[in-house]
C-alpha atoms as a PDB file:
ATOM      1  CA  UNK A   1       4.719  -8.919 -58.660  1.00  0.00           C
ATOM      2  CA  UNK A   2       5.284  -6.530 -55.806  1.00  0.00           C
ATOM      3  CA  UNK A   3       2.021  -5.015 -55.218  1.00  0.00           C
ATOM      4  CA  UNK A   4       0.556  -8.980 -54.341  1.00  0.00           C
ATOM      5  CA  UNK A   5       3.061  -9.148 -51.248  1.00  0.00           C
ATOM      6  CA  UNK A   6       2.499  -5.109 -50.410  1.00  0.00           C
ATOM      7  CA  UNK A   7      -1.442  -6.096 -51.049  1.00  0.00           C
ATOM      8  CA  UNK A   8      -1.818  -9.190 -49.450  1.00  0.00           C
ATOM      9  CA  UNK A   9      -0.234  -8.030 -45.501  1.00  0.00           C
ATOM     10  CA  UNK A  10      -2.434  -4.829 -45.851  1.00  0.00           C
ATOM     11  CA  UNK A  11      -6.052  -7.334 -46.327  1.00  0.00           C
ATOM     12  CA  UNK A  12      -4.829  -9.966 -43.476  1.00  0.00           C
ATOM     13  CA  UNK A  13      -5.302  -7.071 -40.713  1.00  0.00           C
ATOM     14  CA  UNK A  14      -8.486  -5.739 -42.767  1.00  0.00           C
ATOM     15  CA  UNK A  15      -9.703  -9.534 -42.248  1.00  0.00           C
ATOM     16  CA  UNK A  16      -8.488  -9.978 -38.689  1.00  0.00           C
ATOM     17  CA  UNK A  17     -10.623  -7.108 -37.364  1.00  0.00           C
ATOM     18  CA  UNK A  18     -14.097  -7.724 -38.907  1.00  0.00           C
ATOM     19  CA  UNK A  19     -13.474 -10.751 -36.581  1.00  0.00           C
ATOM     20  CA  UNK A  20     -12.264  -9.397 -33.660  1.00  0.00           C
ATOM     21  CA  UNK A  21     -12.635 -12.197 -30.973  1.00  0.00           C
ATOM     22  CA  UNK A  22     -10.223 -13.251 -29.733  1.00  0.00           C
ATOM     23  CA  UNK A  23      -7.781 -10.528 -31.101  1.00  0.00           C
ATOM     24  CA  UNK A  24      -9.943  -7.629 -29.903  1.00  0.00           C
ATOM     25  CA  UNK A  25      -9.839  -5.793 -26.799  1.00  0.00           C
ATOM     26  CA  UNK A  26     -12.838  -6.244 -23.889  1.00  0.00           C
ATOM     27  CA  UNK A  27     -13.589  -2.713 -24.763  1.00  0.00           C
ATOM     28  CA  UNK A  28     -13.870  -3.324 -28.599  1.00  0.00           C
ATOM     29  CA  UNK A  29     -16.034  -6.469 -27.941  1.00  0.00           C
ATOM     30  CA  UNK A  30     -18.219  -4.629 -25.086  1.00  0.00           C
ATOM     31  CA  UNK A  31     -18.770  -1.803 -27.856  1.00  0.00           C
ATOM     32  CA  UNK A  32     -19.988  -4.816 -30.378  1.00  0.00           C
ATOM     33  CA  UNK A  33     -21.933  -5.942 -27.817  1.00  0.00           C
ATOM     34  CA  UNK A  34     -23.999  -2.830 -27.562  1.00  0.00           C
ATOM     35  CA  UNK A  35     -24.123  -2.564 -31.526  1.00  0.00           C
ATOM     36  CA  UNK A  36     -25.535  -6.284 -31.613  1.00  0.00           C
ATOM     37  CA  UNK A  37     -22.025  -7.092 -33.039  1.00  0.00           C
ATOM     38  CA  UNK A  38     -21.068  -9.576 -30.619  1.00  0.00           C
ATOM     39  CA  UNK A  39     -22.973 -12.249 -28.633  1.00  0.00           C
ATOM     40  CA  UNK A  40     -22.692 -12.338 -24.914  1.00  0.00           C
ATOM     41  CA  UNK A  41     -20.722 -16.000 -24.896  1.00  0.00           C
ATOM     42  CA  UNK A  42     -18.225 -13.910 -27.058  1.00  0.00           C
ATOM     43  CA  UNK A  43     -18.292 -10.852 -24.495  1.00  0.00           C
ATOM     44  CA  UNK A  44     -17.760 -13.482 -21.591  1.00  0.00           C
ATOM     45  CA  UNK A  45     -14.630 -15.505 -22.899  1.00  0.00           C
ATOM     46  CA  UNK A  46     -13.123 -11.879 -23.699  1.00  0.00           C
ATOM     47  CA  UNK A  47     -13.419 -10.636 -20.444  1.00  0.00           C
ATOM     48  CA  UNK A  48     -11.909 -13.815 -18.866  1.00  0.00           C
ATOM     49  CA  UNK A  49      -9.052 -13.486 -20.725  1.00  0.00           C
ATOM     50  CA  UNK A  50      -8.327  -9.881 -20.556  1.00  0.00           C
ATOM     51  CA  UNK A  51      -7.230  -7.285 -17.811  1.00  0.00           C
ATOM     52  CA  UNK A  52      -9.638  -5.713 -16.243  1.00  0.00           C
ATOM     53  CA  UNK A  53      -8.941  -2.925 -13.629  1.00  0.00           C
ATOM     54  CA  UNK A  54     -11.313  -2.466 -10.488  1.00  0.00           C
ATOM     55  CA  UNK A  55     -10.877   0.148  -7.937  1.00  0.00           C
ATOM     56  CA  UNK A  56      -9.657   0.039  -3.971  1.00  0.00           C
ATOM     57  CA  UNK A  57      -9.940   2.810  -1.441  1.00  0.00           C
ATOM     58  CA  UNK A  58      -6.840   1.366  -0.027  1.00  0.00           C
ATOM     59  CA  UNK A  59      -3.653   0.325  -2.001  1.00  0.00           C
ATOM     60  CA  UNK A  60      -3.376  -3.214  -2.595  1.00  0.00           C
ATOM     61  CA  UNK A  61       0.212  -5.071  -2.741  1.00  0.00           C
ATOM     62  CA  UNK A  62       1.036  -8.882  -2.932  1.00  0.00           C
ATOM     63  CA  UNK A  63       1.000  -8.667   0.644  1.00  0.00           C
ATOM     64  CA  UNK A  64      -2.363  -7.402   0.760  1.00  0.00           C
ATOM     65  CA  UNK A  65      -5.025  -9.926   2.580  1.00  0.00           C
ATOM     66  CA  UNK A  66      -8.174  -9.083   1.615  1.00  0.00           C
ATOM     67  CA  UNK A  67      -9.519  -6.395  -1.238  1.00  0.00           C
ATOM     68  CA  UNK A  68     -12.643  -4.783  -0.440  1.00  0.00           C
ATOM     69  CA  UNK A  69     -13.526  -3.250  -4.315  1.00  0.00           C
ATOM     70  CA  UNK A  70     -15.620  -0.165  -4.988  1.00  0.00           C
ATOM     71  CA  UNK A  71     -19.091  -1.887  -5.052  1.00  0.00           C
ATOM     72  CA  UNK A  72     -22.354  -0.176  -7.031  1.00  0.00           C
ATOM     73  CA  UNK A  73     -25.630  -1.542  -6.568  1.00  0.00           C
ATOM     74  CA  UNK A  74     -28.502  -2.589  -9.395  1.00  0.00           C
ATOM     75  CA  UNK A  75     -31.866  -1.368  -9.702  1.00  0.00           C
ATOM     76  CA  UNK A  76     -33.000  -3.979  -7.351  1.00  0.00           C
ATOM     77  CA  UNK A  77     -30.298  -3.296  -5.055  1.00  0.00           C
ATOM     78  CA  UNK A  78     -28.022  -5.998  -5.354  1.00  0.00           C
ATOM     79  CA  UNK A  79     -24.047  -5.731  -5.131  1.00  0.00           C
ATOM     80  CA  UNK A  80     -22.534  -5.403  -8.269  1.00  0.00           C
ATOM     81  CA  UNK A  81     -18.386  -5.111  -8.072  1.00  0.00           C
ATOM     82  CA  UNK A  82     -17.353  -1.760 -11.014  1.00  0.00           C
ATOM     83  CA  UNK A  83     -14.597  -3.457 -13.157  1.00  0.00           C
ATOM     84  CA  UNK A  84     -13.152  -1.606 -15.942  1.00  0.00           C
ATOM     85  CA  UNK A  85     -11.751  -2.567 -19.526  1.00  0.00           C
ATOM     86  CA  UNK A  86      -9.547   0.214 -19.419  1.00  0.00           C
ATOM     87  CA  UNK A  87      -7.806   2.844 -16.912  1.00  0.00           C
ATOM     88  CA  UNK A  88      -9.180   5.587 -18.760  1.00  0.00           C
ATOM     89  CA  UNK A  89     -12.541   4.157 -18.439  1.00  0.00           C
ATOM     90  CA  UNK A  90     -12.327   5.001 -14.783  1.00  0.00           C
ATOM     91  CA  UNK A  91     -15.474   7.839 -14.376  1.00  0.00           C
ATOM     92  CA  UNK A  92     -13.824  10.285 -11.719  1.00  0.00           C
ATOM     93  CA  UNK A  93     -16.135  10.187  -9.288  1.00  0.00           C
ATOM     94  CA  UNK A  94     -15.692   6.749  -9.318  1.00  0.00           C
ATOM     95  CA  UNK A  95     -12.024   7.472  -8.152  1.00  0.00           C
ATOM     96  CA  UNK A  96     -12.721  10.188  -5.322  1.00  0.00           C
ATOM     97  CA  UNK A  97     -14.365   7.046  -3.031  1.00  0.00           C
ATOM     98  CA  UNK A  98     -11.581   4.652  -4.076  1.00  0.00           C
ATOM     99  CA  UNK A  99      -8.770   6.119  -5.532  1.00  0.00           C
ATOM    100  CA  UNK A 100      -6.395   2.843  -6.400  1.00  0.00           C
ATOM    101  CA  UNK A 101      -6.968   0.918  -9.706  1.00  0.00           C
ATOM    102  CA  UNK A 102      -6.031  -2.492  -9.453  1.00  0.00           C
ATOM    103  CA  UNK A 103      -4.968  -4.595 -12.408  1.00  0.00           C
ATOM    104  CA  UNK A 104      -6.482  -8.159 -11.915  1.00  0.00           C
ATOM    105  CA  UNK A 105      -7.068 -10.983 -14.697  1.00  0.00           C
ATOM    106  CA  UNK A 106     -10.614 -11.104 -15.874  1.00  0.00           C
ATOM    107  CA  UNK A 107     -10.918 -15.033 -14.775  1.00  0.00           C
ATOM    108  CA  UNK A 108      -9.403 -13.866 -11.479  1.00  0.00           C
ATOM    109  CA  UNK A 109     -11.809 -11.765 -10.397  1.00  0.00           C
ATOM    110  CA  UNK A 110     -14.683 -14.280 -11.243  1.00  0.00           C
ATOM    111  CA  UNK A 111     -12.987 -16.839  -9.236  1.00  0.00           C
ATOM    112  CA  UNK A 112     -13.172 -14.580  -6.263  1.00  0.00           C
ATOM    113  CA  UNK A 113     -16.222 -13.159  -6.296  1.00  0.00           C
ATOM    114  CA  UNK A 114     -19.531 -15.015  -4.240  1.00  0.00           C
ATOM    115  CA  UNK A 115     -22.542 -13.174  -3.547  1.00  0.00           C
ATOM    116  CA  UNK A 116     -22.249 -10.207  -6.036  1.00  0.00           C
ATOM    117  CA  UNK A 117     -22.367  -9.548  -9.919  1.00  0.00           C
ATOM    118  CA  UNK A 118     -20.323  -7.772 -11.940  1.00  0.00           C
ATOM    119  CA  UNK A 119     -20.503  -4.325 -14.006  1.00  0.00           C
ATOM    120  CA  UNK A 120     -17.840  -3.435 -16.504  1.00  0.00           C
ATOM    121  CA  UNK A 121     -17.038  -0.245 -17.769  1.00  0.00           C
ATOM    122  CA  UNK A 122     -19.840   1.021 -15.086  1.00  0.00           C
ATOM    123  CA  UNK A 123     -20.733   4.329 -16.582  1.00  0.00           C
ATOM    124  CA  UNK A 124     -20.010   3.977 -20.198  1.00  0.00           C
ATOM    125  CA  UNK A 125     -22.749   3.317 -23.268  1.00  0.00           C
ATOM    126  CA  UNK A 126     -21.314  -0.034 -23.790  1.00  0.00           C
ATOM    127  CA  UNK A 127     -21.385  -1.078 -20.103  1.00  0.00           C
ATOM    128  CA  UNK A 128     -22.206  -4.632 -19.318  1.00  0.00           C
ATOM    129  CA  UNK A 129     -23.689  -6.332 -16.098  1.00  0.00           C
ATOM    130  CA  UNK A 130     -23.774  -9.903 -15.120  1.00  0.00           C
ATOM    131  CA  UNK A 131     -25.561 -10.423 -12.329  1.00  0.00           C
ATOM    132  CA  UNK A 132     -24.699 -13.220  -9.094  1.00  0.00           C
ATOM    133  CA  UNK A 133     -26.400 -15.591 -10.672  1.00  0.00           C
ATOM    134  CA  UNK A 134     -24.314 -14.717 -14.271  1.00  0.00           C
ATOM    135  CA  UNK A 135     -21.221 -15.143 -12.533  1.00  0.00           C
ATOM    136  CA  UNK A 136     -22.031 -18.050 -10.807  1.00  0.00           C
ATOM    137  CA  UNK A 137     -22.944 -19.916 -14.401  1.00  0.00           C
ATOM    138  CA  UNK A 138     -19.782 -18.616 -16.066  1.00  0.00           C
ATOM    139  CA  UNK A 139     -17.770 -20.147 -13.288  1.00  0.00           C
ATOM    140  CA  UNK A 140     -19.708 -23.040 -14.327  1.00  0.00           C
ATOM    141  CA  UNK A 141     -20.075 -22.859 -18.230  1.00  0.00           C
ATOM    142  CA  UNK A 142     -16.557 -21.023 -19.099  1.00  0.00           C
ATOM    143  CA  UNK A 143     -13.837 -21.955 -16.712  1.00  0.00           C
ATOM    144  CA  UNK A 144     -13.105 -26.012 -16.073  1.00  0.00           C
ATOM    145  CA  UNK A 145     -14.283 -28.102 -13.345  1.00  0.00           C
ATOM    146  CA  UNK A 146     -10.471 -28.263 -11.984  1.00  0.00           C
ATOM    147  CA  UNK A 147     -10.001 -24.432 -12.073  1.00  0.00           C
ATOM    148  CA  UNK A 148     -13.379 -24.139 -10.283  1.00  0.00           C
ATOM    149  CA  UNK A 149     -12.396 -26.483  -7.114  1.00  0.00           C
ATOM    150  CA  UNK A 150      -8.742 -25.189  -7.445  1.00  0.00           C
ATOM    151  CA  UNK A 151     -10.177 -21.027  -6.869  1.00  0.00           C
ATOM    152  CA  UNK A 152     -12.592 -22.680  -4.191  1.00  0.00           C
ATOM    153  CA  UNK A 153     -10.068 -23.893  -1.424  1.00  0.00           C
END
């Protein structure tokens, strides 16, 4: 009888890791997406409910009015805000240009970006790029209209 209770809890976490979904970290979902095991919608939902890091050349405090995050370019020269799922994923050469890592909710980043896309975990094999049009669609499709209207005020 004691084996059954001990076996049961061990099986539950294994089942949870197979269906990572909302229980997985953003980095895990990005890796699964690169391997074809996670769909774009799942990646976006996880991004919106996760904290991400962006880099700034200046220190950002609660009193900072506006932020100038590190911006990259896609193949066509369009701006992409560099975001990272963990501070460990930030390449050293990026830190030279913008040494201040700032943690922010993914949803807040999407609500504040206009005219730029995002690149999550730039420089990593599992990096995930969303165009400026994609960011707009995320606001429309994933964030409630009430939250979107509030963010634009």
